[in-house]
Amino acid sequence: MLAGIAEFVCNRVEVAVPDRARRPERFLDQSWFLIEDLAGRRSAAFREFIVEAAPAELASRGVYIDAASLEGVQIAAERLRRTRVSRTG
């Protein structure tokens, strides 16, 4: 999951994703629907929704969580991107 979040942030900040985040062991063999595990119940309708809503960087690793759950990460990534732009601009 952390490798997926790292890739998510790198893509938004427009920096290269570290090679270690792309190692095969950073990808799950079986899908993980995080919210279902936290809620303790399964839902076919939820899975259908979350497969569409999950950020590609996490879904490609078999981790399914909606983008809204990463709101704080998105805010931090945007701040970091702005900082990088102001330093290079």
PDB file of N, CA and C in Angstrom:
ATOM      1  N   MET A   1       0.821  -1.191   0.000  1.00  0.00           N
ATOM      2  CA  MET A   1       0.000   0.000   0.000  1.00  0.00           C
ATOM      3  C   MET A   1       0.870   1.263   0.000  1.00  0.00           C
ATOM      4  N   LEU A   2       1.933   1.250   0.787  1.00  0.00           N
ATOM      5  CA  LEU A   2       2.786   2.437   0.847  1.00  0.00           C
ATOM      6  C   LEU A   2       3.475   2.718  -0.486  1.00  0.00           C
ATOM      7  N   ALA A   3       3.852   1.671  -1.203  1.00  0.00           N
ATOM      8  CA  ALA A   3       4.462   1.874  -2.517  1.00  0.00           C
ATOM      9  C   ALA A   3       3.453   2.514  -3.466  1.00  0.00           C
ATOM     10  N   GLY A   4       2.200   2.113  -3.372  1.00  0.00           N
ATOM     11  CA  GLY A   4       1.150   2.714  -4.193  1.00  0.00           C
ATOM     12  C   GLY A   4       0.928   4.177  -3.847  1.00  0.00           C
ATOM     13  N   ILE A   5       0.952   4.487  -2.564  1.00  0.00           N
ATOM     14  CA  ILE A   5       0.796   5.883  -2.143  1.00  0.00           C
ATOM     15  C   ILE A   5       2.003   6.700  -2.591  1.00  0.00           C
ATOM     16  N   ALA A   6       3.201   6.110  -2.502  1.00  0.00           N
ATOM     17  CA  ALA A   6       4.400   6.814  -2.977  1.00  0.00           C
ATOM     18  C   ALA A   6       4.282   7.121  -4.464  1.00  0.00           C
ATOM     19  N   GLU A   7       3.827   6.151  -5.248  1.00  0.00           N
ATOM     20  CA  GLU A   7       3.653   6.383  -6.684  1.00  0.00           C
ATOM     21  C   GLU A   7       2.574   7.431  -6.930  1.00  0.00           C
ATOM     22  N   PHE A   8       1.498   7.377  -6.172  1.00  0.00           N
ATOM     23  CA  PHE A   8       0.397   8.335  -6.263  1.00  0.00           C
ATOM     24  C   PHE A   8       0.932   9.764  -6.070  1.00  0.00           C
ATOM     25  N   VAL A   9       1.731   9.956  -5.023  1.00  0.00           N
ATOM     26  CA  VAL A   9       2.293  11.279  -4.736  1.00  0.00           C
ATOM     27  C   VAL A   9       3.289  11.685  -5.821  1.00  0.00           C
ATOM     28  N   CYS A  10       4.180  10.790  -6.205  1.00  0.00           N
ATOM     29  CA  CYS A  10       5.180  11.110  -7.236  1.00  0.00           C
ATOM     30  C   CYS A  10       4.507  11.555  -8.533  1.00  0.00           C
ATOM     31  N   ASN A  11       3.459  10.880  -8.918  1.00  0.00           N
ATOM     32  CA  ASN A  11       2.753  11.251 -10.150  1.00  0.00           C
ATOM     33  C   ASN A  11       2.133  12.637 -10.050  1.00  0.00           C
ATOM     34  N   ARG A  12       1.637  12.999  -8.891  1.00  0.00           N
ATOM     35  CA  ARG A  12       1.014  14.309  -8.726  1.00  0.00           C
ATOM     36  C   ARG A  12       2.044  15.431  -8.592  1.00  0.00           C
ATOM     37  N   VAL A  13       3.205  15.090  -8.052  1.00  0.00           N
ATOM     38  CA  VAL A  13       4.265  16.076  -7.873  1.00  0.00           C
ATOM     39  C   VAL A  13       5.156  16.132  -9.120  1.00  0.00           C
ATOM     40  N   GLU A  14       4.956  15.182  -9.996  1.00  0.00           N
ATOM     41  CA  GLU A  14       5.695  15.095 -11.256  1.00  0.00           C
ATOM     42  C   GLU A  14       7.178  14.829 -11.045  1.00  0.00           C
ATOM     43  N   VAL A  15       7.450  13.817 -10.214  1.00  0.00           N
ATOM     44  CA  VAL A  15       8.816  13.323 -10.018  1.00  0.00           C
ATOM     45  C   VAL A  15       8.824  11.830 -10.329  1.00  0.00           C
ATOM     46  N   ALA A  16       9.992  11.304 -10.580  1.00  0.00           N
ATOM     47  CA  ALA A  16      10.127   9.882 -10.901  1.00  0.00           C
ATOM     48  C   ALA A  16       9.743   9.018  -9.704  1.00  0.00           C
ATOM     49  N   VAL A  17       9.077   7.932  -9.989  1.00  0.00           N
ATOM     50  CA  VAL A  17       8.719   6.967  -8.947  1.00  0.00           C
ATOM     51  C   VAL A  17       9.974   6.163  -8.615  1.00  0.00           C
ATOM     52  N   PRO A  18      10.306   6.017  -7.335  1.00  0.00           N
ATOM     53  CA  PRO A  18      11.498   5.246  -6.964  1.00  0.00           C
ATOM     54  C   PRO A  18      11.408   3.801  -7.463  1.00  0.00           C
ATOM     55  N   ASP A  19      12.519   3.266  -7.905  1.00  0.00           N
ATOM     56  CA  ASP A  19      12.547   1.885  -8.397  1.00  0.00           C
ATOM     57  C   ASP A  19      12.032   0.897  -7.355  1.00  0.00           C
ATOM     58  N   ARG A  20      12.347   1.150  -6.087  1.00  0.00           N
ATOM     59  CA  ARG A  20      11.927   0.206  -5.044  1.00  0.00           C
ATOM     60  C   ARG A  20      10.405   0.123  -4.928  1.00  0.00           C
ATOM     61  N   ALA A  21       9.696   1.154  -5.342  1.00  0.00           N
ATOM     62  CA  ALA A  21       8.236   1.123  -5.299  1.00  0.00           C
ATOM     63  C   ALA A  21       7.658   0.248  -6.401  1.00  0.00           C
ATOM     64  N   ARG A  22       8.473  -0.098  -7.382  1.00  0.00           N
ATOM     65  CA  ARG A  22       8.012  -0.910  -8.513  1.00  0.00           C
ATOM     66  C   ARG A  22       8.459  -2.373  -8.414  1.00  0.00           C
ATOM     67  N   ARG A  23       9.100  -2.729  -7.333  1.00  0.00           N
ATOM     68  CA  ARG A  23       9.541  -4.117  -7.160  1.00  0.00           C
ATOM     69  C   ARG A  23       8.333  -5.051  -7.095  1.00  0.00           C
ATOM     70  N   PRO A  24       8.480  -6.263  -7.607  1.00  0.00           N
ATOM     71  CA  PRO A  24       7.353  -7.214  -7.623  1.00  0.00           C
ATOM     72  C   PRO A  24       6.732  -7.470  -6.249  1.00  0.00           C
ATOM     73  N   GLU A  25       7.549  -7.444  -5.202  1.00  0.00           N
ATOM     74  CA  GLU A  25       6.994  -7.715  -3.864  1.00  0.00           C
ATOM     75  C   GLU A  25       6.120  -6.571  -3.346  1.00  0.00           C
ATOM     76  N   ARG A  26       6.070  -5.471  -4.073  1.00  0.00           N
ATOM     77  CA  ARG A  26       5.227  -4.333  -3.704  1.00  0.00           C
ATOM     78  C   ARG A  26       3.812  -4.459  -4.277  1.00  0.00           C
ATOM     79  N   PHE A  27       3.538  -5.563  -4.949  1.00  0.00           N
ATOM     80  CA  PHE A  27       2.232  -5.827  -5.549  1.00  0.00           C
ATOM     81  C   PHE A  27       1.624  -7.049  -4.877  1.00  0.00           C
ATOM     82  N   LEU A  28       0.332  -6.987  -4.572  1.00  0.00           N
ATOM     83  CA  LEU A  28      -0.347  -8.092  -3.903  1.00  0.00           C
ATOM     84  C   LEU A  28      -0.729  -9.184  -4.894  1.00  0.00           C
ATOM     85  N   ASP A  29      -0.712 -10.420  -4.431  1.00  0.00           N
ATOM     86  CA  ASP A  29      -1.165 -11.544  -5.248  1.00  0.00           C
ATOM     87  C   ASP A  29      -2.686 -11.641  -5.230  1.00  0.00           C
ATOM     88  N   GLN A  30      -3.286 -11.123  -4.182  1.00  0.00           N
ATOM     89  CA  GLN A  30      -4.742 -11.174  -4.006  1.00  0.00           C
ATOM     90  C   GLN A  30      -5.236  -9.764  -3.692  1.00  0.00           C
ATOM     91  N   SER A  31      -6.338  -9.386  -4.300  1.00  0.00           N
ATOM     92  CA  SER A  31      -6.880  -8.036  -4.092  1.00  0.00           C
ATOM     93  C   SER A  31      -7.247  -7.795  -2.635  1.00  0.00           C
ATOM     94  N   TRP A  32      -7.048  -6.558  -2.200  1.00  0.00           N
ATOM     95  CA  TRP A  32      -7.376  -6.144  -0.834  1.00  0.00           C
ATOM     96  C   TRP A  32      -8.329  -4.966  -0.916  1.00  0.00           C
ATOM     97  N   PHE A  33      -9.537  -5.170  -0.454  1.00  0.00           N
ATOM     98  CA  PHE A  33     -10.560  -4.127  -0.404  1.00  0.00           C
ATOM     99  C   PHE A  33     -10.543  -3.591   1.023  1.00  0.00           C
ATOM    100  N   LEU A  34      -9.740  -2.571   1.240  1.00  0.00           N
ATOM    101  CA  LEU A  34      -9.427  -2.071   2.574  1.00  0.00           C
ATOM    102  C   LEU A  34     -10.662  -1.724   3.395  1.00  0.00           C
ATOM    103  N   ILE A  35     -11.584  -0.971   2.825  1.00  0.00           N
ATOM    104  CA  ILE A  35     -12.759  -0.531   3.583  1.00  0.00           C
ATOM    105  C   ILE A  35     -13.617  -1.725   4.003  1.00  0.00           C
ATOM    106  N   GLU A  36     -13.723  -2.729   3.141  1.00  0.00           N
ATOM    107  CA  GLU A  36     -14.476  -3.931   3.518  1.00  0.00           C
ATOM    108  C   GLU A  36     -13.844  -4.597   4.739  1.00  0.00           C
ATOM    109  N   ASP A  37     -12.539  -4.665   4.756  1.00  0.00           N
ATOM    110  CA  ASP A  37     -11.876  -5.281   5.904  1.00  0.00           C
ATOM    111  C   ASP A  37     -12.107  -4.472   7.173  1.00  0.00           C
ATOM    112  N   LEU A  38     -12.064  -3.160   7.052  1.00  0.00           N
ATOM    113  CA  LEU A  38     -12.316  -2.313   8.221  1.00  0.00           C
ATOM    114  C   LEU A  38     -13.762  -2.430   8.705  1.00  0.00           C
ATOM    115  N   ALA A  39     -14.696  -2.525   7.761  1.00  0.00           N
ATOM    116  CA  ALA A  39     -16.113  -2.632   8.111  1.00  0.00           C
ATOM    117  C   ALA A  39     -16.482  -4.046   8.569  1.00  0.00           C
ATOM    118  N   GLY A  40     -15.683  -5.025   8.164  1.00  0.00           N
ATOM    119  CA  GLY A  40     -15.951  -6.400   8.556  1.00  0.00           C
ATOM    120  C   GLY A  40     -17.046  -7.079   7.761  1.00  0.00           C
ATOM    121  N   ARG A  41     -17.367  -6.540   6.592  1.00  0.00           N
ATOM    122  CA  ARG A  41     -18.374  -7.192   5.747  1.00  0.00           C
ATOM    123  C   ARG A  41     -18.057  -6.965   4.284  1.00  0.00           C
ATOM    124  N   ARG A  42     -18.568  -7.870   3.455  1.00  0.00           N
ATOM    125  CA  ARG A  42     -18.328  -7.831   2.017  1.00  0.00           C
ATOM    126  C   ARG A  42     -19.564  -7.296   1.303  1.00  0.00           C
ATOM    127  N   SER A  43     -19.336  -6.641   0.182  1.00  0.00           N
ATOM    128  CA  SER A  43     -20.446  -6.090  -0.596  1.00  0.00           C
ATOM    129  C   SER A  43     -20.061  -6.065  -2.067  1.00  0.00           C
ATOM    130  N   ALA A  44     -20.809  -6.807  -2.891  1.00  0.00           N
ATOM    131  CA  ALA A  44     -20.536  -6.829  -4.325  1.00  0.00           C
ATOM    132  C   ALA A  44     -20.717  -5.446  -4.932  1.00  0.00           C
ATOM    133  N   ALA A  45     -21.726  -4.707  -4.484  1.00  0.00           N
ATOM    134  CA  ALA A  45     -21.971  -3.360  -5.013  1.00  0.00           C
ATOM    135  C   ALA A  45     -20.807  -2.428  -4.650  1.00  0.00           C
ATOM    136  N   PHE A  46     -20.308  -2.553  -3.446  1.00  0.00           N
ATOM    137  CA  PHE A  46     -19.177  -1.723  -3.039  1.00  0.00           C
ATOM    138  C   PHE A  46     -17.946  -2.061  -3.871  1.00  0.00           C
ATOM    139  N   ARG A  47     -17.698  -3.330  -4.069  1.00  0.00           N
ATOM    140  CA  ARG A  47     -16.526  -3.732  -4.864  1.00  0.00           C
ATOM    141  C   ARG A  47     -16.611  -3.165  -6.274  1.00  0.00           C
ATOM    142  N   GLU A  48     -17.773  -3.214  -6.860  1.00  0.00           N
ATOM    143  CA  GLU A  48     -17.954  -2.661  -8.206  1.00  0.00           C
ATOM    144  C   GLU A  48     -17.618  -1.170  -8.217  1.00  0.00           C
ATOM    145  N   PHE A  49     -18.108  -0.450  -7.215  1.00  0.00           N
ATOM    146  CA  PHE A  49     -17.828   0.982  -7.108  1.00  0.00           C
ATOM    147  C   PHE A  49     -16.341   1.249  -6.897  1.00  0.00           C
ATOM    148  N   ILE A  50     -15.736   0.555  -5.955  1.00  0.00           N
ATOM    149  CA  ILE A  50     -14.364   0.858  -5.567  1.00  0.00           C
ATOM    150  C   ILE A  50     -13.358   0.474  -6.643  1.00  0.00           C
ATOM    151  N   VAL A  51     -13.659  -0.538  -7.428  1.00  0.00           N
ATOM    152  CA  VAL A  51     -12.774  -0.903  -8.535  1.00  0.00           C
ATOM    153  C   VAL A  51     -12.686   0.254  -9.523  1.00  0.00           C
ATOM    154  N   GLU A  52     -13.795   0.959  -9.720  1.00  0.00           N
ATOM    155  CA  GLU A  52     -13.807   2.128 -10.611  1.00  0.00           C
ATOM    156  C   GLU A  52     -13.200   3.363  -9.948  1.00  0.00           C
ATOM    157  N   ALA A  53     -13.354   3.505  -8.634  1.00  0.00           N
ATOM    158  CA  ALA A  53     -12.965   4.725  -7.926  1.00  0.00           C
ATOM    159  C   ALA A  53     -11.528   4.719  -7.405  1.00  0.00           C
ATOM    160  N   ALA A  54     -10.922   3.564  -7.298  1.00  0.00           N
ATOM    161  CA  ALA A  54      -9.578   3.476  -6.718  1.00  0.00           C
ATOM    162  C   ALA A  54      -8.537   4.133  -7.620  1.00  0.00           C
ATOM    163  N   PRO A  55      -7.602   4.863  -7.035  1.00  0.00           N
ATOM    164  CA  PRO A  55      -6.513   5.419  -7.838  1.00  0.00           C
ATOM    165  C   PRO A  55      -5.739   4.288  -8.522  1.00  0.00           C
ATOM    166  N   ALA A  56      -5.357   4.505  -9.760  1.00  0.00           N
ATOM    167  CA  ALA A  56      -4.668   3.477 -10.550  1.00  0.00           C
ATOM    168  C   ALA A  56      -3.389   2.995  -9.879  1.00  0.00           C
ATOM    169  N   GLU A  57      -2.691   3.904  -9.191  1.00  0.00           N
ATOM    170  CA  GLU A  57      -1.422   3.551  -8.549  1.00  0.00           C
ATOM    171  C   GLU A  57      -1.605   2.497  -7.457  1.00  0.00           C
ATOM    172  N   LEU A  58      -2.754   2.494  -6.824  1.00  0.00           N
ATOM    173  CA  LEU A  58      -3.042   1.483  -5.801  1.00  0.00           C
ATOM    174  C   LEU A  58      -3.725   0.266  -6.411  1.00  0.00           C
ATOM    175  N   ALA A  59      -4.674   0.503  -7.303  1.00  0.00           N
ATOM    176  CA  ALA A  59      -5.401  -0.606  -7.929  1.00  0.00           C
ATOM    177  C   ALA A  59      -4.452  -1.543  -8.674  1.00  0.00           C
ATOM    178  N   SER A  60      -3.428  -0.988  -9.311  1.00  0.00           N
ATOM    179  CA  SER A  60      -2.475  -1.834 -10.036  1.00  0.00           C
ATOM    180  C   SER A  60      -1.737  -2.783  -9.098  1.00  0.00           C
ATOM    181  N   ARG A  61      -1.715  -2.448  -7.814  1.00  0.00           N
ATOM    182  CA  ARG A  61      -1.067  -3.283  -6.806  1.00  0.00           C
ATOM    183  C   ARG A  61      -2.054  -4.191  -6.091  1.00  0.00           C
ATOM    184  N   GLY A  62      -3.320  -4.109  -6.459  1.00  0.00           N
ATOM    185  CA  GLY A  62      -4.333  -4.934  -5.822  1.00  0.00           C
ATOM    186  C   GLY A  62      -4.910  -4.321  -4.570  1.00  0.00           C
ATOM    187  N   VAL A  63      -4.658  -3.034  -4.344  1.00  0.00           N
ATOM    188  CA  VAL A  63      -5.172  -2.328  -3.167  1.00  0.00           C
ATOM    189  C   VAL A  63      -6.311  -1.422  -3.627  1.00  0.00           C
ATOM    190  N   TYR A  64      -7.485  -1.638  -3.067  1.00  0.00           N
ATOM    191  CA  TYR A  64      -8.661  -0.872  -3.485  1.00  0.00           C
ATOM    192  C   TYR A  64      -9.165  -0.017  -2.333  1.00  0.00           C
ATOM    193  N   ILE A  65      -9.024   1.284  -2.531  1.00  0.00           N
ATOM    194  CA  ILE A  65      -9.482   2.292  -1.590  1.00  0.00           C
ATOM    195  C   ILE A  65      -9.911   3.487  -2.429  1.00  0.00           C
ATOM    196  N   ASP A  66     -10.951   4.171  -2.017  1.00  0.00           N
ATOM    197  CA  ASP A  66     -11.413   5.302  -2.831  1.00  0.00           C
ATOM    198  C   ASP A  66     -10.473   6.494  -2.686  1.00  0.00           C
ATOM    199  N   ALA A  67     -10.400   7.293  -3.732  1.00  0.00           N
ATOM    200  CA  ALA A  67      -9.498   8.445  -3.753  1.00  0.00           C
ATOM    201  C   ALA A  67      -9.808   9.437  -2.646  1.00  0.00           C
ATOM    202  N   ALA A  68     -11.075   9.547  -2.260  1.00  0.00           N
ATOM    203  CA  ALA A  68     -11.454  10.481  -1.198  1.00  0.00           C
ATOM    204  C   ALA A  68     -10.763  10.132   0.122  1.00  0.00           C
ATOM    205  N   SER A  69     -10.471   8.861   0.332  1.00  0.00           N
ATOM    206  CA  SER A  69      -9.772   8.447   1.548  1.00  0.00           C
ATOM    207  C   SER A  69      -8.330   8.920   1.564  1.00  0.00           C
ATOM    208  N   LEU A  70      -7.842   9.335   0.413  1.00  0.00           N
ATOM    209  CA  LEU A  70      -6.467   9.837   0.302  1.00  0.00           C
ATOM    210  C   LEU A  70      -6.434  11.360   0.219  1.00  0.00           C
ATOM    211  N   GLU A  71      -7.495  12.014   0.667  1.00  0.00           N
ATOM    212  CA  GLU A  71      -7.592  13.472   0.561  1.00  0.00           C
ATOM    213  C   GLU A  71      -6.398  14.178   1.202  1.00  0.00           C
ATOM    214  N   GLY A  72      -6.006  13.768   2.388  1.00  0.00           N
ATOM    215  CA  GLY A  72      -4.864  14.391   3.050  1.00  0.00           C
ATOM    216  C   GLY A  72      -3.581  14.201   2.265  1.00  0.00           C
ATOM    217  N   VAL A  73      -3.422  13.030   1.666  1.00  0.00           N
ATOM    218  CA  VAL A  73      -2.248  12.762   0.837  1.00  0.00           C
ATOM    219  C   VAL A  73      -2.273  13.661  -0.396  1.00  0.00           C
ATOM    220  N   GLN A  74      -3.449  13.833  -0.987  1.00  0.00           N
ATOM    221  CA  GLN A  74      -3.573  14.683  -2.167  1.00  0.00           C
ATOM    222  C   GLN A  74      -3.248  16.144  -1.842  1.00  0.00           C
ATOM    223  N   ILE A  75      -3.697  16.619  -0.699  1.00  0.00           N
ATOM    224  CA  ILE A  75      -3.412  17.998  -0.284  1.00  0.00           C
ATOM    225  C   ILE A  75      -1.911  18.182  -0.085  1.00  0.00           C
ATOM    226  N   ALA A  76      -1.276  17.232   0.607  1.00  0.00           N
ATOM    227  CA  ALA A  76       0.165  17.321   0.837  1.00  0.00           C
ATOM    228  C   ALA A  76       0.937  17.263  -0.479  1.00  0.00           C
ATOM    229  N   ALA A  77       0.495  16.423  -1.407  1.00  0.00           N
ATOM    230  CA  ALA A  77       1.157  16.320  -2.713  1.00  0.00           C
ATOM    231  C   ALA A  77       1.048  17.628  -3.477  1.00  0.00           C
ATOM    232  N   GLU A  78      -0.110  18.254  -3.424  1.00  0.00           N
ATOM    233  CA  GLU A  78      -0.297  19.532  -4.121  1.00  0.00           C
ATOM    234  C   GLU A  78       0.596  20.614  -3.520  1.00  0.00           C
ATOM    235  N   ARG A  79       0.710  20.645  -2.213  1.00  0.00           N
ATOM    236  CA  ARG A  79       1.602  21.615  -1.561  1.00  0.00           C
ATOM    237  C   ARG A  79       3.050  21.372  -1.970  1.00  0.00           C
ATOM    238  N   LEU A  80       3.439  20.117  -2.005  1.00  0.00           N
ATOM    239  CA  LEU A  80       4.798  19.773  -2.408  1.00  0.00           C
ATOM    240  C   LEU A  80       5.041  20.160  -3.863  1.00  0.00           C
ATOM    241  N   ARG A  81       4.065  19.914  -4.733  1.00  0.00           N
ATOM    242  CA  ARG A  81       4.195  20.280  -6.135  1.00  0.00           C
ATOM    243  C   ARG A  81       4.368  21.787  -6.285  1.00  0.00           C
ATOM    244  N   ARG A  82       3.567  22.563  -5.561  1.00  0.00           N
ATOM    245  CA  ARG A  82       3.678  24.026  -5.628  1.00  0.00           C
ATOM    246  C   ARG A  82       5.045  24.503  -5.144  1.00  0.00           C
ATOM    247  N   THR A  83       5.547  23.890  -4.095  1.00  0.00           N
ATOM    248  CA  THR A  83       6.859  24.238  -3.565  1.00  0.00           C
ATOM    249  C   THR A  83       7.937  23.953  -4.604  1.00  0.00           C
ATOM    250  N   ARG A  84       7.838  22.819  -5.264  1.00  0.00           N
ATOM    251  CA  ARG A  84       8.822  22.463  -6.298  1.00  0.00           C
ATOM    252  C   ARG A  84       8.745  23.443  -7.463  1.00  0.00           C
ATOM    253  N   VAL A  85       7.539  23.805  -7.879  1.00  0.00           N
ATOM    254  CA  VAL A  85       7.360  24.734  -9.002  1.00  0.00           C
ATOM    255  C   VAL A  85       7.934  26.093  -8.654  1.00  0.00           C
ATOM    256  N   SER A  86       7.669  26.584  -7.449  1.00  0.00           N
ATOM    257  CA  SER A  86       8.180  27.913  -7.067  1.00  0.00           C
ATOM    258  C   SER A  86       9.704  27.924  -6.963  1.00  0.00           C
ATOM    259  N   ARG A  87      10.306  26.822  -6.613  1.00  0.00           N
ATOM    260  CA  ARG A  87      11.775  26.750  -6.528  1.00  0.00           C
ATOM    261  C   ARG A  87      12.423  26.671  -7.901  1.00  0.00           C
ATOM    262  N   THR A  88      11.738  26.028  -8.846  1.00  0.00           N
ATOM    263  CA  THR A  88      12.323  25.866 -10.179  1.00  0.00           C
ATOM    264  C   THR A  88      11.903  26.975 -11.132  1.00  0.00           C
ATOM    265  N   GLY A  89      10.826  27.662 -10.791  1.00  0.00           N
ATOM    266  CA  GLY A  89      10.257  28.696 -11.682  1.00  0.00           C
ATOM    267  C   GLY A  89      10.881  29.991 -11.475  1.00  0.00           C
TER     268      GLY A  89
END
